[in-house]
PDB file of N, CA and C in Angstrom:
ATOM      1  N   MET A   1     158.964  95.953  59.645  1.00  0.00           N
ATOM      2  CA  MET A   1     158.664  95.805  61.045  1.00  0.00           C
ATOM      3  C   MET A   1     159.916  96.119  61.864  1.00  0.00           C
ATOM      4  N   LEU A   2     159.766  96.994  62.844  1.00  0.00           N
ATOM      5  CA  LEU A   2     160.891  97.391  63.670  1.00  0.00           C
ATOM      6  C   LEU A   2     161.215  96.313  64.699  1.00  0.00           C
ATOM      7  N   GLU A   3     162.495  96.191  64.988  1.00  0.00           N
ATOM      8  CA  GLU A   3     162.960  95.176  65.926  1.00  0.00           C
ATOM      9  C   GLU A   3     162.565  95.535  67.357  1.00  0.00           C
ATOM     10  N   LEU A   4     162.307  94.519  68.150  1.00  0.00           N
ATOM     11  CA  LEU A   4     161.952  94.710  69.549  1.00  0.00           C
ATOM     12  C   LEU A   4     163.152  94.483  70.455  1.00  0.00           C
ATOM     13  N   THR A   5     163.204  95.230  71.547  1.00  0.00           N
ATOM     14  CA  THR A   5     164.219  94.974  72.566  1.00  0.00           C
ATOM     15  C   THR A   5     163.818  93.699  73.312  1.00  0.00           C
ATOM     16  N   ASN A   6     164.724  93.180  74.124  1.00  0.00           N
ATOM     17  CA  ASN A   6     164.405  91.973  74.903  1.00  0.00           C
ATOM     18  C   ASN A   6     163.201  92.200  75.809  1.00  0.00           C
ATOM     19  N   THR A   7     163.150  93.346  76.465  1.00  0.00           N
ATOM     20  CA  THR A   7     162.026  93.631  77.355  1.00  0.00           C
ATOM     21  C   THR A   7     160.729  93.752  76.572  1.00  0.00           C
ATOM     22  N   GLU A   8     160.773  94.405  75.424  1.00  0.00           N
ATOM     23  CA  GLU A   8     159.574  94.514  74.589  1.00  0.00           C
ATOM     24  C   GLU A   8     159.102  93.134  74.132  1.00  0.00           C
ATOM     25  N   GLN A   9     160.038  92.242  73.829  1.00  0.00           N
ATOM     26  CA  GLN A   9     159.661  90.885  73.433  1.00  0.00           C
ATOM     27  C   GLN A   9     158.943  90.164  74.576  1.00  0.00           C
ATOM     28  N   VAL A  10     159.437  90.316  75.789  1.00  0.00           N
ATOM     29  CA  VAL A  10     158.801  89.668  76.939  1.00  0.00           C
ATOM     30  C   VAL A  10     157.406  90.248  77.158  1.00  0.00           C
ATOM     31  N   ILE A  11     157.268  91.549  77.018  1.00  0.00           N
ATOM     32  CA  ILE A  11     155.947  92.176  77.181  1.00  0.00           C
ATOM     33  C   ILE A  11     154.995  91.674  76.106  1.00  0.00           C
ATOM     34  N   MET A  12     155.462  91.589  74.863  1.00  0.00           N
ATOM     35  CA  MET A  12     154.603  91.067  73.796  1.00  0.00           C
ATOM     36  C   MET A  12     154.217  89.620  74.077  1.00  0.00           C
ATOM     37  N   LYS A  13     155.155  88.832  74.577  1.00  0.00           N
ATOM     38  CA  LYS A  13     154.853  87.440  74.935  1.00  0.00           C
ATOM     39  C   LYS A  13     153.719  87.400  75.960  1.00  0.00           C
ATOM     40  N   CYS A  14     153.765  88.283  76.947  1.00  0.00           N
ATOM     41  CA  CYS A  14     152.697  88.363  77.944  1.00  0.00           C
ATOM     42  C   CYS A  14     151.370  88.725  77.287  1.00  0.00           C
ATOM     43  N   ILE A  15     151.384  89.673  76.386  1.00  0.00           N
ATOM     44  CA  ILE A  15     150.152  90.082  75.705  1.00  0.00           C
ATOM     45  C   ILE A  15     149.588  88.912  74.913  1.00  0.00           C
ATOM     46  N   TRP A  16     150.438  88.199  74.186  1.00  0.00           N
ATOM     47  CA  TRP A  16     149.967  87.043  73.416  1.00  0.00           C
ATOM     48  C   TRP A  16     149.388  85.973  74.343  1.00  0.00           C
ATOM     49  N   GLU A  17     150.008  85.777  75.496  1.00  0.00           N
ATOM     50  CA  GLU A  17     149.525  84.766  76.440  1.00  0.00           C
ATOM     51  C   GLU A  17     148.187  85.166  77.067  1.00  0.00           C
ATOM     52  N   ILE A  18     148.050  86.442  77.393  1.00  0.00           N
ATOM     53  CA  ILE A  18     146.827  86.917  78.048  1.00  0.00           C
ATOM     54  C   ILE A  18     145.690  87.053  77.041  1.00  0.00           C
ATOM     55  N   GLY A  19     145.990  87.593  75.874  1.00  0.00           N
ATOM     56  CA  GLY A  19     144.958  87.804  74.856  1.00  0.00           C
ATOM     57  C   GLY A  19     144.634  89.278  74.692  1.00  0.00           C
ATOM     58  N   ASP A  20     143.506  89.556  74.097  1.00  0.00           N
ATOM     59  CA  ASP A  20     143.095  90.935  73.837  1.00  0.00           C
ATOM     60  C   ASP A  20     142.707  91.663  75.120  1.00  0.00           C
ATOM     61  N   ASN A  21     142.696  92.988  75.013  1.00  0.00           N
ATOM     62  CA  ASN A  21     142.258  93.861  76.106  1.00  0.00           C
ATOM     63  C   ASN A  21     143.084  93.669  77.374  1.00  0.00           C
ATOM     64  N   VAL A  22     144.378  93.882  77.230  1.00  0.00           N
ATOM     65  CA  VAL A  22     145.326  93.700  78.324  1.00  0.00           C
ATOM     66  C   VAL A  22     145.602  95.051  78.976  1.00  0.00           C
ATOM     67  N   ALA A  23     145.376  95.123  80.268  1.00  0.00           N
ATOM     68  CA  ALA A  23     145.666  96.336  81.029  1.00  0.00           C
ATOM     69  C   ALA A  23     147.094  96.269  81.568  1.00  0.00           C
ATOM     70  N   VAL A  24     147.636  97.432  81.899  1.00  0.00           N
ATOM     71  CA  VAL A  24     148.988  97.484  82.467  1.00  0.00           C
ATOM     72  C   VAL A  24     149.055  96.635  83.732  1.00  0.00           C
ATOM     73  N   ALA A  25     148.001  96.652  84.542  1.00  0.00           N
ATOM     74  CA  ALA A  25     147.977  95.841  85.771  1.00  0.00           C
ATOM     75  C   ALA A  25     148.117  94.353  85.453  1.00  0.00           C
ATOM     76  N   ASP A  26     147.484  93.908  84.356  1.00  0.00           N
ATOM     77  CA  ASP A  26     147.606  92.504  83.934  1.00  0.00           C
ATOM     78  C   ASP A  26     149.052  92.178  83.569  1.00  0.00           C
ATOM     79  N   LEU A  27     149.679  93.105  82.867  1.00  0.00           N
ATOM     80  CA  LEU A  27     151.072  92.894  82.464  1.00  0.00           C
ATOM     81  C   LEU A  27     151.996  92.858  83.673  1.00  0.00           C
ATOM     82  N   LEU A  28     151.794  93.782  84.598  1.00  0.00           N
ATOM     83  CA  LEU A  28     152.626  93.809  85.806  1.00  0.00           C
ATOM     84  C   LEU A  28     152.549  92.482  86.554  1.00  0.00           C
ATOM     85  N   GLU A  29     151.335  91.972  86.696  1.00  0.00           N
ATOM     86  CA  GLU A  29     151.132  90.706  87.404  1.00  0.00           C
ATOM     87  C   GLU A  29     151.794  89.545  86.671  1.00  0.00           C
ATOM     88  N   ARG A  30     151.586  89.472  85.372  1.00  0.00           N
ATOM     89  CA  ARG A  30     152.147  88.367  84.572  1.00  0.00           C
ATOM     90  C   ARG A  30     153.669  88.424  84.559  1.00  0.00           C
ATOM     91  N   LEU A  31     154.224  89.614  84.377  1.00  0.00           N
ATOM     92  CA  LEU A  31     155.681  89.770  84.367  1.00  0.00           C
ATOM     93  C   LEU A  31     156.282  89.313  85.696  1.00  0.00           C
ATOM     94  N   LYS A  32     155.596  89.611  86.777  1.00  0.00           N
ATOM     95  CA  LYS A  32     156.097  89.231  88.100  1.00  0.00           C
ATOM     96  C   LYS A  32     155.968  87.734  88.337  1.00  0.00           C
ATOM     97  N   THR A  33     154.781  87.175  88.051  1.00  0.00           N
ATOM     98  CA  THR A  33     154.553  85.758  88.394  1.00  0.00           C
ATOM     99  C   THR A  33     155.187  84.789  87.407  1.00  0.00           C
ATOM    100  N   GLU A  34     155.164  85.113  86.129  1.00  0.00           N
ATOM    101  CA  GLU A  34     155.661  84.178  85.114  1.00  0.00           C
ATOM    102  C   GLU A  34     157.124  84.403  84.742  1.00  0.00           C
ATOM    103  N   TYR A  35     157.609  85.623  84.888  1.00  0.00           N
ATOM    104  CA  TYR A  35     158.962  85.941  84.422  1.00  0.00           C
ATOM    105  C   TYR A  35     159.868  86.477  85.529  1.00  0.00           C
ATOM    106  N   GLY A  36     159.323  86.638  86.733  1.00  0.00           N
ATOM    107  CA  GLY A  36     160.128  87.113  87.861  1.00  0.00           C
ATOM    108  C   GLY A  36     160.646  88.525  87.679  1.00  0.00           C
ATOM    109  N   LYS A  37     159.927  89.330  86.905  1.00  0.00           N
ATOM    110  CA  LYS A  37     160.364  90.700  86.644  1.00  0.00           C
ATOM    111  C   LYS A  37     159.367  91.673  87.257  1.00  0.00           C
ATOM    112  N   GLU A  38     159.913  92.638  88.003  1.00  0.00           N
ATOM    113  CA  GLU A  38     159.063  93.655  88.618  1.00  0.00           C
ATOM    114  C   GLU A  38     159.395  95.012  88.012  1.00  0.00           C
ATOM    115  N   TYR A  39     158.361  95.677  87.531  1.00  0.00           N
ATOM    116  CA  TYR A  39     158.511  96.993  86.933  1.00  0.00           C
ATOM    117  C   TYR A  39     157.514  97.946  87.573  1.00  0.00           C
ATOM    118  N   ALA A  40     157.831  99.222  87.521  1.00  0.00           N
ATOM    119  CA  ALA A  40     156.880 100.248  87.941  1.00  0.00           C
ATOM    120  C   ALA A  40     155.808 100.371  86.863  1.00  0.00           C
ATOM    121  N   ARG A  41     154.633 100.761  87.251  1.00  0.00           N
ATOM    122  CA  ARG A  41     153.528 100.953  86.309  1.00  0.00           C
ATOM    123  C   ARG A  41     153.921 101.934  85.206  1.00  0.00           C
ATOM    124  N   THR A  42     154.637 102.993  85.582  1.00  0.00           N
ATOM    125  CA  THR A  42     155.034 103.996  84.583  1.00  0.00           C
ATOM    126  C   THR A  42     156.024 103.423  83.575  1.00  0.00           C
ATOM    127  N   THR A  43     156.877 102.531  84.020  1.00  0.00           N
ATOM    128  CA  THR A  43     157.844 101.901  83.108  1.00  0.00           C
ATOM    129  C   THR A  43     157.119 101.075  82.056  1.00  0.00           C
ATOM    130  N   ILE A  44     156.132 100.296  82.484  1.00  0.00           N
ATOM    131  CA  ILE A  44     155.359  99.489  81.529  1.00  0.00           C
ATOM    132  C   ILE A  44     154.585 100.395  80.581  1.00  0.00           C
ATOM    133  N   SER A  45     154.049 101.484  81.099  1.00  0.00           N
ATOM    134  CA  SER A  45     153.324 102.429  80.240  1.00  0.00           C
ATOM    135  C   SER A  45     154.238 102.999  79.157  1.00  0.00           C
ATOM    136  N   VAL A  46     155.472 103.285  79.515  1.00  0.00           N
ATOM    137  CA  VAL A  46     156.433 103.788  78.527  1.00  0.00           C
ATOM    138  C   VAL A  46     156.716 102.713  77.478  1.00  0.00           C
ATOM    139  N   PHE A  47     156.941 101.478  77.915  1.00  0.00           N
ATOM    140  CA  PHE A  47     157.173 100.386  76.958  1.00  0.00           C
ATOM    141  C   PHE A  47     155.968 100.197  76.040  1.00  0.00           C
ATOM    142  N   MET A  48     154.758 100.351  76.582  1.00  0.00           N
ATOM    143  CA  MET A  48     153.563 100.208  75.753  1.00  0.00           C
ATOM    144  C   MET A  48     153.503 101.315  74.701  1.00  0.00           C
ATOM    145  N   SER A  49     153.963 102.513  75.052  1.00  0.00           N
ATOM    146  CA  SER A  49     154.029 103.604  74.064  1.00  0.00           C
ATOM    147  C   SER A  49     155.011 103.250  72.952  1.00  0.00           C
ATOM    148  N   TYR A  50     156.154 102.682  73.325  1.00  0.00           N
ATOM    149  CA  TYR A  50     157.131 102.261  72.314  1.00  0.00           C
ATOM    150  C   TYR A  50     156.524 101.206  71.396  1.00  0.00           C
ATOM    151  N   LEU A  51     155.848 100.220  71.989  1.00  0.00           N
ATOM    152  CA  LEU A  51     155.244  99.146  71.192  1.00  0.00           C
ATOM    153  C   LEU A  51     154.146  99.683  70.275  1.00  0.00           C
ATOM    154  N   ARG A  52     153.400 100.654  70.754  1.00  0.00           N
ATOM    155  CA  ARG A  52     152.373 101.288  69.925  1.00  0.00           C
ATOM    156  C   ARG A  52     153.038 102.037  68.763  1.00  0.00           C
ATOM    157  N   ASP A  53     154.091 102.796  69.064  1.00  0.00           N
ATOM    158  CA  ASP A  53     154.795 103.563  68.020  1.00  0.00           C
ATOM    159  C   ASP A  53     155.434 102.650  66.978  1.00  0.00           C
ATOM    160  N   LYS A  54     155.848 101.467  67.402  1.00  0.00           N
ATOM    161  CA  LYS A  54     156.451 100.508  66.484  1.00  0.00           C
ATOM    162  C   LYS A  54     155.415  99.707  65.699  1.00  0.00           C
ATOM    163  N   GLY A  55     154.133  99.879  66.037  1.00  0.00           N
ATOM    164  CA  GLY A  55     153.058  99.211  65.310  1.00  0.00           C
ATOM    165  C   GLY A  55     152.716  97.816  65.797  1.00  0.00           C
ATOM    166  N   TYR A  56     153.112  97.480  67.016  1.00  0.00           N
ATOM    167  CA  TYR A  56     152.838  96.142  67.547  1.00  0.00           C
ATOM    168  C   TYR A  56     151.534  96.062  68.324  1.00  0.00           C
ATOM    169  N   VAL A  57     151.114  97.177  68.920  1.00  0.00           N
ATOM    170  CA  VAL A  57     149.889  97.178  69.707  1.00  0.00           C
ATOM    171  C   VAL A  57     149.053  98.404  69.390  1.00  0.00           C
ATOM    172  N   THR A  58     147.792  98.298  69.703  1.00  0.00           N
ATOM    173  CA  THR A  58     146.884  99.433  69.685  1.00  0.00           C
ATOM    174  C   THR A  58     146.257  99.502  71.068  1.00  0.00           C
ATOM    175  N   TYR A  59     145.598 100.601  71.364  1.00  0.00           N
ATOM    176  CA  TYR A  59     145.003 100.727  72.690  1.00  0.00           C
ATOM    177  C   TYR A  59     143.655 101.411  72.617  1.00  0.00           C
ATOM    178  N   GLU A  60     142.958 101.263  73.732  1.00  0.00           N
ATOM    179  CA  GLU A  60     141.647 101.881  73.887  1.00  0.00           C
ATOM    180  C   GLU A  60     141.537 102.303  75.343  1.00  0.00           C
ATOM    181  N   LYS A  61     140.975 103.474  75.571  1.00  0.00           N
ATOM    182  CA  LYS A  61     140.800 103.922  76.954  1.00  0.00           C
ATOM    183  C   LYS A  61     139.474 103.396  77.487  1.00  0.00           C
ATOM    184  N   ARG A  62     139.539 102.733  78.632  1.00  0.00           N
ATOM    185  CA  ARG A  62     138.349 102.214  79.306  1.00  0.00           C
ATOM    186  C   ARG A  62     138.370 102.695  80.748  1.00  0.00           C
ATOM    187  N   SER A  63     137.347 103.413  81.136  1.00  0.00           N
ATOM    188  CA  SER A  63     137.275 104.006  82.480  1.00  0.00           C
ATOM    189  C   SER A  63     138.533 104.809  82.747  1.00  0.00           C
ATOM    190  N   HIS A  64     139.325 104.352  83.698  1.00  0.00           N
ATOM    191  CA  HIS A  64     140.530 105.099  84.070  1.00  0.00           C
ATOM    192  C   HIS A  64     141.810 104.423  83.609  1.00  0.00           C
ATOM    193  N   ALA A  65     141.688 103.477  82.707  1.00  0.00           N
ATOM    194  CA  ALA A  65     142.883 102.730  82.279  1.00  0.00           C
ATOM    195  C   ALA A  65     142.854 102.489  80.772  1.00  0.00           C
ATOM    196  N   TYR A  66     144.025 102.259  80.237  1.00  0.00           N
ATOM    197  CA  TYR A  66     144.147 101.870  78.834  1.00  0.00           C
ATOM    198  C   TYR A  66     144.199 100.349  78.767  1.00  0.00           C
ATOM    199  N   VAL A  67     143.582  99.796  77.738  1.00  0.00           N
ATOM    200  CA  VAL A  67     143.731  98.369  77.470  1.00  0.00           C
ATOM    201  C   VAL A  67     144.375  98.229  76.096  1.00  0.00           C
ATOM    202  N   TYR A  68     145.234  97.245  75.983  1.00  0.00           N
ATOM    203  CA  TYR A  68     146.043  97.071  74.785  1.00  0.00           C
ATOM    204  C   TYR A  68     145.689  95.783  74.057  1.00  0.00           C
ATOM    205  N   LYS A  69     145.887  95.823  72.764  1.00  0.00           N
ATOM    206  CA  LYS A  69     145.623  94.665  71.913  1.00  0.00           C
ATOM    207  C   LYS A  69     146.776  94.539  70.923  1.00  0.00           C
ATOM    208  N   SER A  70     147.234  93.325  70.718  1.00  0.00           N
ATOM    209  CA  SER A  70     148.314  93.066  69.765  1.00  0.00           C
ATOM    210  C   SER A  70     147.801  93.263  68.339  1.00  0.00           C
ATOM    211  N   LEU A  71     148.649  93.850  67.508  1.00  0.00           N
ATOM    212  CA  LEU A  71     148.327  94.006  66.084  1.00  0.00           C
ATOM    213  C   LEU A  71     148.998  92.949  65.223  1.00  0.00           C
ATOM    214  N   ILE A  72     149.812  92.114  65.851  1.00  0.00           N
ATOM    215  CA  ILE A  72     150.505  91.039  65.130  1.00  0.00           C
ATOM    216  C   ILE A  72     150.449  89.777  65.988  1.00  0.00           C
ATOM    217  N   SER A  73     150.228  88.651  65.344  1.00  0.00           N
ATOM    218  CA  SER A  73     150.192  87.395  66.099  1.00  0.00           C
ATOM    219  C   SER A  73     151.615  86.977  66.467  1.00  0.00           C
ATOM    220  N   GLU A  74     151.709  86.146  67.472  1.00  0.00           N
ATOM    221  CA  GLU A  74     153.020  85.634  67.878  1.00  0.00           C
ATOM    222  C   GLU A  74     153.664  84.849  66.739  1.00  0.00           C
ATOM    223  N   GLN A  75     152.868  84.066  66.034  1.00  0.00           N
ATOM    224  CA  GLN A  75     153.395  83.265  64.930  1.00  0.00           C
ATOM    225  C   GLN A  75     153.931  84.159  63.811  1.00  0.00           C
ATOM    226  N   ASP A  76     153.214  85.214  63.463  1.00  0.00           N
ATOM    227  CA  ASP A  76     153.686  86.131  62.421  1.00  0.00           C
ATOM    228  C   ASP A  76     154.961  86.844  62.860  1.00  0.00           C
ATOM    229  N   TYR A  77     155.037  87.220  64.141  1.00  0.00           N
ATOM    230  CA  TYR A  77     156.248  87.847  64.656  1.00  0.00           C
ATOM    231  C   TYR A  77     157.438  86.890  64.553  1.00  0.00           C
ATOM    232  N   GLN A  78     157.217  85.640  64.948  1.00  0.00           N
ATOM    233  CA  GLN A  78     158.292  84.646  64.891  1.00  0.00           C
ATOM    234  C   GLN A  78     158.780  84.450  63.456  1.00  0.00           C
ATOM    235  N   LYS A  79     157.848  84.399  62.507  1.00  0.00           N
ATOM    236  CA  LYS A  79     158.230  84.244  61.099  1.00  0.00           C
ATOM    237  C   LYS A  79     159.095  85.409  60.636  1.00  0.00           C
ATOM    238  N   GLU A  80     158.688  86.621  60.963  1.00  0.00           N
ATOM    239  CA  GLU A  80     159.456  87.806  60.568  1.00  0.00           C
ATOM    240  C   GLU A  80     160.826  87.819  61.226  1.00  0.00           C
ATOM    241  N   LEU A  81     160.878  87.421  62.484  1.00  0.00           N
ATOM    242  CA  LEU A  81     162.133  87.365  63.219  1.00  0.00           C
ATOM    243  C   LEU A  81     163.094  86.370  62.571  1.00  0.00           C
ATOM    244  N   MET A  82     162.593  85.192  62.219  1.00  0.00           N
ATOM    245  CA  MET A  82     163.426  84.176  61.587  1.00  0.00           C
ATOM    246  C   MET A  82     163.918  84.646  60.210  1.00  0.00           C
ATOM    247  N   LYS A  83     163.058  85.287  59.445  1.00  0.00           N
ATOM    248  CA  LYS A  83     163.470  85.820  58.136  1.00  0.00           C
ATOM    249  C   LYS A  83     164.597  86.836  58.308  1.00  0.00           C
ATOM    250  N   ARG A  84     164.457  87.710  59.305  1.00  0.00           N
ATOM    251  CA  ARG A  84     165.471  88.738  59.553  1.00  0.00           C
ATOM    252  C   ARG A  84     166.801  88.102  59.942  1.00  0.00           C
ATOM    253  N   TYR A  85     166.765  87.114  60.857  1.00  0.00           N
ATOM    254  CA  TYR A  85     167.997  86.451  61.287  1.00  0.00           C
ATOM    255  C   TYR A  85     168.646  85.699  60.129  1.00  0.00           C
ATOM    256  N   GLN A  86     167.839  85.036  59.340  1.00  0.00           N
ATOM    257  CA  GLN A  86     168.380  84.297  58.195  1.00  0.00           C
ATOM    258  C   GLN A  86     169.077  85.264  57.238  1.00  0.00           C
ATOM    259  N   LYS A  87     168.435  86.371  56.977  1.00  0.00           N
ATOM    260  CA  LYS A  87     168.987  87.342  56.029  1.00  0.00           C
ATOM    261  C   LYS A  87     170.248  88.009  56.575  1.00  0.00           C
ATOM    262  N   THR A  88     170.209  88.441  57.832  1.00  0.00           N
ATOM    263  CA  THR A  88     171.334  89.208  58.372  1.00  0.00           C
ATOM    264  C   THR A  88     172.489  88.346  58.884  1.00  0.00           C
ATOM    265  N   SER A  89     172.189  87.188  59.422  1.00  0.00           N
ATOM    266  CA  SER A  89     173.232  86.364  60.041  1.00  0.00           C
ATOM    267  C   SER A  89     173.732  85.226  59.168  1.00  0.00           C
ATOM    268  N   PHE A  90     172.972  84.862  58.145  1.00  0.00           N
ATOM    269  CA  PHE A  90     173.337  83.702  57.334  1.00  0.00           C
ATOM    270  C   PHE A  90     173.303  84.009  55.839  1.00  0.00           C
ATOM    271  N   SER A  91     173.440  85.282  55.496  1.00  0.00           N
ATOM    272  CA  SER A  91     173.450  85.729  54.103  1.00  0.00           C
ATOM    273  C   SER A  91     172.262  85.191  53.307  1.00  0.00           C
ATOM    274  N   GLY A  92     171.140  84.992  54.001  1.00  0.00           N
ATOM    275  CA  GLY A  92     169.939  84.525  53.333  1.00  0.00           C
ATOM    276  C   GLY A  92     169.870  83.032  53.098  1.00  0.00           C
ATOM    277  N   SER A  93     170.878  82.288  53.508  1.00  0.00           N
ATOM    278  CA  SER A  93     170.925  80.851  53.260  1.00  0.00           C
ATOM    279  C   SER A  93     170.072  80.081  54.268  1.00  0.00           C
ATOM    280  N   ALA A  94     169.023  79.454  53.775  1.00  0.00           N
ATOM    281  CA  ALA A  94     168.167  78.625  54.637  1.00  0.00           C
ATOM    282  C   ALA A  94     168.945  77.430  55.166  1.00  0.00           C
ATOM    283  N   VAL A  95     169.789  76.854  54.329  1.00  0.00           N
ATOM    284  CA  VAL A  95     170.559  75.670  54.726  1.00  0.00           C
ATOM    285  C   VAL A  95     171.494  76.013  55.887  1.00  0.00           C
ATOM    286  N   GLU A  96     172.222  77.107  55.778  1.00  0.00           N
ATOM    287  CA  GLU A  96     173.152  77.493  56.850  1.00  0.00           C
ATOM    288  C   GLU A  96     172.405  77.878  58.125  1.00  0.00           C
ATOM    289  N   PHE A  97     171.259  78.503  57.964  1.00  0.00           N
ATOM    290  CA  PHE A  97     170.422  78.877  59.103  1.00  0.00           C
ATOM    291  C   PHE A  97     169.979  77.629  59.863  1.00  0.00           C
ATOM    292  N   ILE A  98     169.465  76.651  59.140  1.00  0.00           N
ATOM    293  CA  ILE A  98     168.996  75.403  59.758  1.00  0.00           C
ATOM    294  C   ILE A  98     170.177  74.615  60.333  1.00  0.00           C
ATOM    295  N   ARG A  99     171.291  74.581  59.614  1.00  0.00           N
ATOM    296  CA  ARG A  99     172.479  73.871  60.109  1.00  0.00           C
ATOM    297  C   ARG A  99     172.934  74.458  61.444  1.00  0.00           C
ATOM    298  N   ALA A 100     172.996  75.776  61.538  1.00  0.00           N
ATOM    299  CA  ALA A 100     173.416  76.421  62.783  1.00  0.00           C
ATOM    300  C   ALA A 100     172.442  76.112  63.919  1.00  0.00           C
ATOM    301  N   TYR A 101     171.158  76.115  63.599  1.00  0.00           N
ATOM    302  CA  TYR A 101     170.161  75.786  64.614  1.00  0.00           C
ATOM    303  C   TYR A 101     170.360  74.352  65.115  1.00  0.00           C
ATOM    304  N   LEU A 102     170.467  73.417  64.189  1.00  0.00           N
ATOM    305  CA  LEU A 102     170.619  72.010  64.573  1.00  0.00           C
ATOM    306  C   LEU A 102     171.902  71.781  65.369  1.00  0.00           C
ATOM    307  N   ASP A 103     172.976  72.459  64.976  1.00  0.00           N
ATOM    308  CA  ASP A 103     174.249  72.307  65.681  1.00  0.00           C
ATOM    309  C   ASP A 103     174.227  72.931  67.076  1.00  0.00           C
ATOM    310  N   SER A 104     173.337  73.896  67.292  1.00  0.00           N
ATOM    311  CA  SER A 104     173.321  74.613  68.569  1.00  0.00           C
ATOM    312  C   SER A 104     172.370  74.008  69.592  1.00  0.00           C
ATOM    313  N   GLN A 105     171.617  72.996  69.207  1.00  0.00           N
ATOM    314  CA  GLN A 105     170.590  72.438  70.083  1.00  0.00           C
ATOM    315  C   GLN A 105     170.906  71.008  70.498  1.00  0.00           C
ATOM    316  N   GLU A 106     170.405  70.639  71.673  1.00  0.00           N
ATOM    317  CA  GLU A 106     170.419  69.241  72.088  1.00  0.00           C
ATOM    318  C   GLU A 106     169.036  68.693  71.754  1.00  0.00           C
ATOM    319  N   LEU A 107     168.944  67.986  70.654  1.00  0.00           N
ATOM    320  CA  LEU A 107     167.659  67.511  70.152  1.00  0.00           C
ATOM    321  C   LEU A 107     167.450  66.043  70.498  1.00  0.00           C
ATOM    322  N   THR A 108     166.220  65.720  70.830  1.00  0.00           N
ATOM    323  CA  THR A 108     165.862  64.332  71.110  1.00  0.00           C
ATOM    324  C   THR A 108     165.477  63.654  69.794  1.00  0.00           C
ATOM    325  N   ALA A 109     165.342  62.354  69.852  1.00  0.00           N
ATOM    326  CA  ALA A 109     164.881  61.608  68.679  1.00  0.00           C
ATOM    327  C   ALA A 109     163.489  62.088  68.270  1.00  0.00           C
ATOM    328  N   GLU A 110     162.660  62.407  69.256  1.00  0.00           N
ATOM    329  CA  GLU A 110     161.314  62.927  68.965  1.00  0.00           C
ATOM    330  C   GLU A 110     161.386  64.274  68.249  1.00  0.00           C
ATOM    331  N   ASP A 111     162.302  65.134  68.706  1.00  0.00           N
ATOM    332  CA  ASP A 111     162.487  66.435  68.052  1.00  0.00           C
ATOM    333  C   ASP A 111     162.879  66.239  66.595  1.00  0.00           C
ATOM    334  N   LEU A 112     163.862  65.366  66.370  1.00  0.00           N
ATOM    335  CA  LEU A 112     164.343  65.131  65.003  1.00  0.00           C
ATOM    336  C   LEU A 112     163.256  64.540  64.118  1.00  0.00           C
ATOM    337  N   LYS A 113     162.453  63.651  64.691  1.00  0.00           N
ATOM    338  CA  LYS A 113     161.347  63.073  63.933  1.00  0.00           C
ATOM    339  C   LYS A 113     160.350  64.161  63.536  1.00  0.00           C
ATOM    340  N   ALA A 114     160.003  65.031  64.470  1.00  0.00           N
ATOM    341  CA  ALA A 114     159.065  66.122  64.189  1.00  0.00           C
ATOM    342  C   ALA A 114     159.637  67.077  63.142  1.00  0.00           C
ATOM    343  N   ILE A 115     160.934  67.381  63.237  1.00  0.00           N
ATOM    344  CA  ILE A 115     161.586  68.255  62.254  1.00  0.00           C
ATOM    345  C   ILE A 115     161.561  67.596  60.879  1.00  0.00           C
ATOM    346  N   ARG A 116     161.867  66.310  60.838  1.00  0.00           N
ATOM    347  CA  ARG A 116     161.846  65.565  59.569  1.00  0.00           C
ATOM    348  C   ARG A 116     160.447  65.630  58.939  1.00  0.00           C
ATOM    349  N   GLU A 117     159.422  65.447  59.755  1.00  0.00           N
ATOM    350  CA  GLU A 117     158.041  65.504  59.257  1.00  0.00           C
ATOM    351  C   GLU A 117     157.705  66.899  58.719  1.00  0.00           C
ATOM    352  N   LEU A 118     158.192  67.921  59.391  1.00  0.00           N
ATOM    353  CA  LEU A 118     157.965  69.286  58.906  1.00  0.00           C
ATOM    354  C   LEU A 118     158.643  69.520  57.557  1.00  0.00           C
ATOM    355  N   VAL A 119     159.862  69.002  57.421  1.00  0.00           N
ATOM    356  CA  VAL A 119     160.592  69.142  56.154  1.00  0.00           C
ATOM    357  C   VAL A 119     159.863  68.385  55.046  1.00  0.00           C
ATOM    358  N   GLU A 120     159.419  67.183  55.350  1.00  0.00           N
ATOM    359  CA  GLU A 120     158.687  66.389  54.352  1.00  0.00           C
ATOM    360  C   GLU A 120     157.398  67.091  53.933  1.00  0.00           C
ATOM    361  N   LYS A 121     156.700  67.666  54.891  1.00  0.00           N
ATOM    362  CA  LYS A 121     155.472  68.398  54.579  1.00  0.00           C
ATOM    363  C   LYS A 121     155.777  69.598  53.684  1.00  0.00           C
ATOM    364  N   LYS A 122     156.833  70.316  53.999  1.00  0.00           N
ATOM    365  CA  LYS A 122     157.230  71.472  53.202  1.00  0.00           C
ATOM    366  C   LYS A 122     157.622  71.041  51.790  1.00  0.00           C
ATOM    367  N   GLN A 123     158.293  69.885  51.686  1.00  0.00           N
ATOM    368  CA  GLN A 123     158.680  69.345  50.382  1.00  0.00           C
ATOM    369  C   GLN A 123     157.453  69.073  49.515  1.00  0.00           C
ATOM    370  N   GLN A 124     156.408  68.555  50.111  1.00  0.00           N
ATOM    371  CA  GLN A 124     155.162  68.286  49.368  1.00  0.00           C
ATOM    372  C   GLN A 124     154.528  69.579  48.865  1.00  0.00           C
ATOM    373  N   GLU A 125     154.638  70.634  49.656  1.00  0.00           N
ATOM    374  CA  GLU A 125     154.085  71.946  49.271  1.00  0.00           C
ATOM    375  C   GLU A 125     154.827  72.535  48.074  1.00  0.00           C
ATOM    376  N   VAL A 126     156.136  72.259  47.999  1.00  0.00           N
ATOM    377  CA  VAL A 126     156.983  72.839  46.956  1.00  0.00           C
ATOM    378  C   VAL A 126     156.766  72.149  45.607  1.00  0.00           C
ATOM    379  N   LYS A 127     156.406  70.891  45.633  1.00  0.00           N
ATOM    380  CA  LYS A 127     156.250  70.127  44.393  1.00  0.00           C
ATOM    381  C   LYS A 127     155.203  70.691  43.483  1.00  0.00           C
TER     382      LYS A 127
END
């Protein structure tokens, strides 16, 4: 899976939030209202071509516009992204990856409890 630029990630986030059959007009509106970013219609169309070429979206022509659909879920993208960061930035070490994350965050007691529960659940799966 090819890496996304920051702008491509934001566009994909919009697509995941909106759902299937997303028109460029929908993206323009969402980018403006939710992310404070204004782009020309042609700029978004170019980004959609990049995302299509990278295998993240497919499209269909409807009337006078294209509508786009994600080919990967947000959760699957996040998993691949984390695997890539772990491999490239932490020499594949899950422990160092998690340590860096924990050290870089201001976590609440609730956050730590939820993380602990996730680790315990994962431990049960491994047994």
